[in-house]
């Protein structure tokens, strides 16, 4: 909440609507559109919602507001993905990948505490650099392979990297996908494992940013407002999933992310 705005009515409205009172109708409309698009991608290919939301919304408003806006939608969308195939598959995935999940959650919580003290211009780079690098890696079709004998230590290493990206930029999906492919996770199992990792990580992100102050009474209305568009987008993504050429759709999405990420870097460079 912002204080000292004059009448009790204005203060009361800010208590109820928070940051929404400071954003124009055009910015809110663009944020909703970006969230629907992110939801469609999430429903169709299983990841990239926070990557899209943070990169697109972060280019039209304070990036810390954008990060706060992402939190509630990704918690609900990831929990939906986690339990879409039932509780038992999720439990088995948790038992198998507990090391990766544990370090991701620890790193998310730790990195999130740094967000409030990062200057705005630097934060554009914090968001833009991983968006561009991760999107280019996937566009290039880079395929890693991790032998089973190296899987234990690689879980800790890649999990830490994923968690740091998650805490700072709200996205740990692309590195998780690359890791699961690198250890030859069966395709049917991969969707379930992604759901569990994203679900546990998003709940951790929620708690972490309640603690860091990024998600608070002022920013929460934006995050709650974007929940509906995110779920509508996911529903549309599920509907069109079987009709899409998913590889082409993924490449177009990644190309959009590169452009959005470069725009974030431009904002960081120019202030």
Protein backbone atom coordinates (compact mmCIF):
# COMPACT_ATOMS: atom_id res chain seq x y z
CA UNK A 1 0.00 0.00 0.00
CA UNK A 2 1.09 3.57 -0.67
CA UNK A 3 0.32 6.04 2.13
CA UNK A 4 -0.43 9.75 2.10
CA UNK A 5 -2.65 9.83 -0.97
CA UNK A 6 -5.26 12.17 0.50
CA UNK A 7 -8.80 10.93 1.13
CA UNK A 8 -9.76 7.84 3.09
CA UNK A 9 -11.52 6.59 -0.04
CA UNK A 10 -8.29 6.52 -2.06
CA UNK A 11 -6.42 4.75 0.74
CA UNK A 12 -9.24 2.21 1.04
CA UNK A 13 -9.17 1.58 -2.72
CA UNK A 14 -5.39 1.02 -2.61
CA UNK A 15 -5.83 -1.45 0.22
CA UNK A 16 -8.27 -3.42 -1.93
CA UNK A 17 -6.69 -3.11 -5.38
CA UNK A 18 -3.03 -2.43 -4.55
CA UNK A 19 -0.72 -2.03 -7.53
CA UNK A 20 -3.68 -2.22 -9.92
CA UNK A 21 -4.47 1.40 -9.08
CA UNK A 22 -1.07 2.46 -10.43
CA UNK A 23 -1.21 0.58 -13.74
CA UNK A 24 -2.99 1.86 -16.83
CA UNK A 25 -5.80 -0.05 -18.50
CA UNK A 26 -3.52 -0.67 -21.50
CA UNK A 27 -0.80 -2.25 -19.34
CA UNK A 28 -3.34 -4.42 -17.53
CA UNK A 29 -4.85 -5.54 -20.86
CA UNK A 30 -1.41 -6.41 -22.25
CA UNK A 31 -0.58 -8.29 -19.03
CA UNK A 32 -3.76 -10.34 -19.34
CA UNK A 33 -3.01 -11.09 -23.01
CA UNK A 34 0.55 -12.16 -22.17
CA UNK A 35 -0.77 -14.42 -19.40
CA UNK A 36 -3.35 -16.08 -21.65
CA UNK A 37 -0.60 -16.72 -24.21
CA UNK A 38 1.68 -18.12 -21.49
CA UNK A 39 -1.14 -20.38 -20.32
CA UNK A 40 -1.71 -21.69 -23.85
CA UNK A 41 1.97 -22.56 -24.14
CA UNK A 42 1.93 -24.21 -20.71
CA UNK A 43 -1.11 -26.29 -21.62
CA UNK A 44 0.32 -27.27 -24.99
CA UNK A 45 3.96 -28.06 -24.15
CA UNK A 46 4.00 -28.33 -20.36
CA UNK A 47 6.32 -25.48 -19.35
CA UNK A 48 7.47 -21.88 -20.03
CA UNK A 49 4.57 -20.02 -18.37
CA UNK A 50 6.72 -17.99 -15.93
CA UNK A 51 9.40 -17.47 -18.57
CA UNK A 52 6.87 -15.90 -20.92
CA UNK A 53 5.00 -13.93 -18.26
CA UNK A 54 8.11 -12.47 -16.63
CA UNK A 55 9.77 -11.56 -19.93
CA UNK A 56 6.69 -10.00 -21.55
CA UNK A 57 5.05 -8.37 -18.52
CA UNK A 58 8.42 -7.33 -17.10
CA UNK A 59 9.02 -5.23 -20.20
CA UNK A 60 5.91 -3.07 -19.62
CA UNK A 61 6.02 -2.55 -15.84
CA UNK A 62 8.41 -2.66 -12.91
CA UNK A 63 9.96 -6.15 -13.26
CA UNK A 64 9.51 -6.83 -9.53
CA UNK A 65 5.77 -6.21 -9.93
CA UNK A 66 5.85 -8.63 -12.88
CA UNK A 67 7.59 -11.27 -10.77
CA UNK A 68 4.97 -10.86 -8.05
CA UNK A 69 2.23 -11.15 -10.67
CA UNK A 70 3.53 -14.50 -11.84
CA UNK A 71 3.44 -16.22 -8.45
CA UNK A 72 -0.23 -17.12 -7.89
CA UNK A 73 -0.83 -18.25 -11.50
CA UNK A 74 2.18 -20.56 -11.52
CA UNK A 75 1.30 -22.07 -8.14
CA UNK A 76 -2.18 -23.09 -9.30
CA UNK A 77 -1.15 -24.09 -12.83
CA UNK A 78 1.73 -26.22 -11.55
CA UNK A 79 -0.40 -27.93 -8.91
CA UNK A 80 -2.94 -28.66 -11.65
CA UNK A 81 -0.17 -30.19 -13.78
CA UNK A 82 1.24 -32.11 -10.79
CA UNK A 83 -1.96 -33.99 -9.99
CA UNK A 84 -3.45 -34.21 -13.48
CA UNK A 85 -2.33 -37.85 -13.74
CA UNK A 86 -3.18 -38.71 -10.12
CA UNK A 87 -1.54 -38.80 -6.71
CA UNK A 88 0.38 -42.09 -7.01
CA UNK A 89 2.50 -41.11 -10.04
CA UNK A 90 3.35 -37.84 -8.27
CA UNK A 91 4.44 -39.74 -5.13
CA UNK A 92 6.70 -42.04 -7.19
CA UNK A 93 8.28 -39.07 -8.94
CA UNK A 94 8.94 -37.40 -5.59
CA UNK A 95 10.63 -40.54 -4.26
CA UNK A 96 12.83 -40.89 -7.36
CA UNK A 97 13.86 -37.27 -7.85
CA UNK A 98 13.90 -36.09 -4.21
CA UNK A 99 17.48 -34.77 -4.41
CA UNK A 100 16.76 -32.53 -7.39
CA UNK A 101 13.49 -31.30 -5.89
CA UNK A 102 15.10 -30.59 -2.51
CA UNK A 103 17.98 -28.50 -3.84
CA UNK A 104 15.68 -26.64 -6.28
CA UNK A 105 13.42 -25.62 -3.39
CA UNK A 106 16.33 -24.59 -1.13
CA UNK A 107 17.95 -22.51 -3.89
CA UNK A 108 14.62 -20.88 -4.85
CA UNK A 109 14.03 -19.75 -1.28
CA UNK A 110 17.60 -18.45 -0.83
CA UNK A 111 17.78 -16.59 -4.16
CA UNK A 112 14.34 -15.02 -3.72
CA UNK A 113 15.56 -13.13 -0.66
CA UNK A 114 18.00 -11.20 -2.89
CA UNK A 115 15.31 -9.82 -5.23
CA UNK A 116 14.22 -6.82 -3.09
CA UNK A 117 17.78 -5.46 -2.88
CA UNK A 118 18.62 -5.78 -6.59
CA UNK A 119 18.45 -2.37 -8.39
CA UNK A 120 15.75 -2.11 -11.07
CA UNK A 121 18.18 -1.78 -13.99
CA UNK A 122 20.22 -4.76 -12.78
CA UNK A 123 17.03 -6.77 -12.35
CA UNK A 124 16.22 -6.34 -16.04
CA UNK A 125 19.52 -8.11 -16.75
CA UNK A 126 18.76 -10.76 -14.11
CA UNK A 127 15.55 -11.52 -16.01
CA UNK A 128 16.76 -10.97 -19.57
CA UNK A 129 20.02 -12.94 -19.57
CA UNK A 130 18.57 -16.33 -18.52
CA UNK A 131 15.55 -15.87 -20.80
CA UNK A 132 17.75 -15.31 -23.86
CA UNK A 133 20.32 -18.00 -23.01
CA UNK A 134 17.77 -20.70 -22.17
CA UNK A 135 15.64 -19.95 -25.23
CA UNK A 136 18.68 -19.98 -27.57
CA UNK A 137 19.92 -23.28 -26.07
CA UNK A 138 16.60 -24.91 -26.82
CA UNK A 139 16.27 -23.31 -30.26
CA UNK A 140 19.72 -24.67 -31.11
CA UNK A 141 18.53 -28.14 -30.16
CA UNK A 142 21.33 -28.67 -27.64
CA UNK A 143 21.10 -32.16 -26.17
CA UNK A 144 23.01 -33.11 -23.08
CA UNK A 145 23.74 -36.61 -21.90
CA UNK A 146 24.53 -37.45 -18.28
CA UNK A 147 25.64 -41.05 -17.63
CA UNK A 148 23.93 -42.77 -14.71
CA UNK A 149 27.19 -42.82 -12.71
CA UNK A 150 27.22 -38.99 -12.70
CA UNK A 151 23.52 -38.54 -12.02
CA UNK A 152 23.75 -37.99 -8.24
CA UNK A 153 26.14 -35.01 -8.30
CA UNK A 154 24.55 -33.59 -11.45
CA UNK A 155 21.19 -33.48 -9.67
CA UNK A 156 22.69 -31.24 -6.99
CA UNK A 157 24.51 -29.00 -9.49
CA UNK A 158 21.73 -28.53 -12.05
CA UNK A 159 19.12 -28.36 -9.29
CA UNK A 160 21.04 -25.48 -7.69
CA UNK A 161 21.24 -23.61 -11.01
CA UNK A 162 17.52 -24.19 -11.64
CA UNK A 163 16.61 -23.02 -8.15
CA UNK A 164 18.70 -19.86 -8.40
CA UNK A 165 16.97 -18.98 -11.66
CA UNK A 166 13.64 -19.79 -10.05
CA UNK A 167 14.20 -17.56 -7.04
CA UNK A 168 15.52 -14.62 -9.06
CA UNK A 169 13.43 -14.82 -12.23
CA UNK A 170 10.59 -17.21 -11.40
CA UNK A 171 11.64 -19.80 -13.97
CA UNK A 172 13.25 -23.17 -13.44
CA UNK A 173 11.41 -25.11 -16.15
CA UNK A 174 13.82 -25.00 -19.11
CA UNK A 175 16.83 -26.21 -17.13
CA UNK A 176 14.67 -28.93 -15.60
CA UNK A 177 13.55 -30.09 -19.05
CA UNK A 178 17.15 -30.14 -20.29
CA UNK A 179 18.19 -32.17 -17.23
CA UNK A 180 15.37 -34.73 -17.57
CA UNK A 181 16.22 -35.21 -21.24
CA UNK A 182 19.92 -35.56 -20.39
CA UNK A 183 19.25 -38.49 -18.03
CA UNK A 184 16.90 -40.12 -20.56
CA UNK A 185 13.73 -39.83 -18.51
CA UNK A 186 10.94 -41.76 -20.31
CA UNK A 187 8.56 -39.38 -22.09
CA UNK A 188 5.45 -40.58 -20.23
CA UNK A 189 7.20 -40.15 -16.88
CA UNK A 190 8.71 -36.80 -17.77
CA UNK A 191 5.39 -34.93 -17.73
CA UNK A 192 4.63 -36.22 -14.23
CA UNK A 193 8.14 -35.45 -12.94
CA UNK A 194 8.01 -31.92 -14.40
CA UNK A 195 4.67 -31.38 -12.70
CA UNK A 196 6.02 -32.44 -9.29
CA UNK A 197 9.18 -30.33 -9.61
CA UNK A 198 7.20 -27.31 -10.80
CA UNK A 199 4.52 -27.80 -8.13
CA UNK A 200 6.94 -28.09 -5.21
CA UNK A 201 9.06 -25.25 -6.58
CA UNK A 202 6.12 -22.90 -7.08
CA UNK A 203 4.84 -23.41 -3.53
CA UNK A 204 8.39 -22.67 -2.32
CA UNK A 205 8.47 -19.55 -4.50
CA UNK A 206 5.19 -18.37 -2.96
CA UNK A 207 6.53 -18.80 0.58
CA UNK A 208 9.90 -17.29 -0.36
CA UNK A 209 8.40 -14.12 -1.80
CA UNK A 210 5.95 -13.72 1.04
CA UNK A 211 9.08 -13.72 3.18
CA UNK A 212 11.08 -11.42 0.84
CA UNK A 213 8.20 -8.95 0.59
CA UNK A 214 7.88 -9.13 -3.20
CA UNK A 215 4.41 -10.66 -2.80
CA UNK A 216 2.48 -8.50 -0.35
CA UNK A 217 -0.84 -6.72 0.12
CA UNK A 218 0.13 -4.19 -2.58
CA UNK A 219 1.25 -6.64 -5.29
CA UNK A 220 -1.03 -9.62 -4.55
CA UNK A 221 -4.09 -8.15 -6.37
CA UNK A 222 -2.15 -8.23 -9.65
CA UNK A 223 -1.17 -11.85 -9.12
CA UNK A 224 -4.74 -12.81 -8.23
CA UNK A 225 -6.09 -10.93 -11.27
CA UNK A 226 -3.80 -12.92 -13.60
CA UNK A 227 -4.88 -16.31 -12.22
CA UNK A 228 -8.07 -16.46 -14.31
CA UNK A 229 -6.34 -15.62 -17.63
CA UNK A 230 -3.62 -18.18 -16.86
CA UNK A 231 -6.13 -20.98 -16.27
CA UNK A 232 -8.15 -20.00 -19.36
CA UNK A 233 -4.94 -20.12 -21.39
CA UNK A 234 -4.05 -23.56 -20.01
CA UNK A 235 -7.53 -24.86 -20.85
CA UNK A 236 -7.12 -23.59 -24.43
CA UNK A 237 -3.63 -25.15 -24.55
CA UNK A 238 -5.00 -28.53 -23.46
CA UNK A 239 -7.72 -28.27 -26.12
CA UNK A 240 -5.36 -27.58 -29.01
CA UNK A 241 -2.51 -29.80 -27.77
CA UNK A 242 -3.21 -32.70 -30.13
CA UNK A 243 -3.86 -30.46 -33.13
CA UNK A 244 -0.59 -28.54 -32.96
CA UNK A 245 2.71 -29.25 -34.57
CA UNK A 246 4.32 -28.98 -31.14
CA UNK A 247 7.86 -28.68 -32.44
CA UNK A 248 7.03 -25.69 -34.65
CA UNK A 249 4.91 -24.14 -31.91
CA UNK A 250 7.77 -24.54 -29.42
CA UNK A 251 10.24 -22.89 -31.81
CA UNK A 252 7.96 -19.91 -32.44
CA UNK A 253 7.47 -19.52 -28.68
CA UNK A 254 11.21 -19.66 -28.04
CA UNK A 255 11.84 -17.08 -30.77
CA UNK A 256 9.31 -14.76 -29.05
CA UNK A 257 11.16 -15.32 -25.78
CA UNK A 258 14.48 -14.34 -27.36
CA UNK A 259 12.95 -11.08 -28.60
CA UNK A 260 11.33 -10.41 -25.21
CA UNK A 261 14.56 -11.22 -23.40
CA UNK A 262 16.58 -8.89 -25.64
CA UNK A 263 14.04 -6.16 -24.90
CA UNK A 264 14.61 -6.68 -21.17
CA UNK A 265 18.36 -6.32 -21.75
CA UNK A 266 17.68 -3.11 -23.71
CA UNK A 267 15.67 -1.74 -20.79
CA UNK A 268 18.49 -2.66 -18.41
CA UNK A 269 21.04 -0.91 -20.61
CA UNK A 270 19.01 2.25 -21.19
CA UNK A 271 17.23 2.46 -17.83
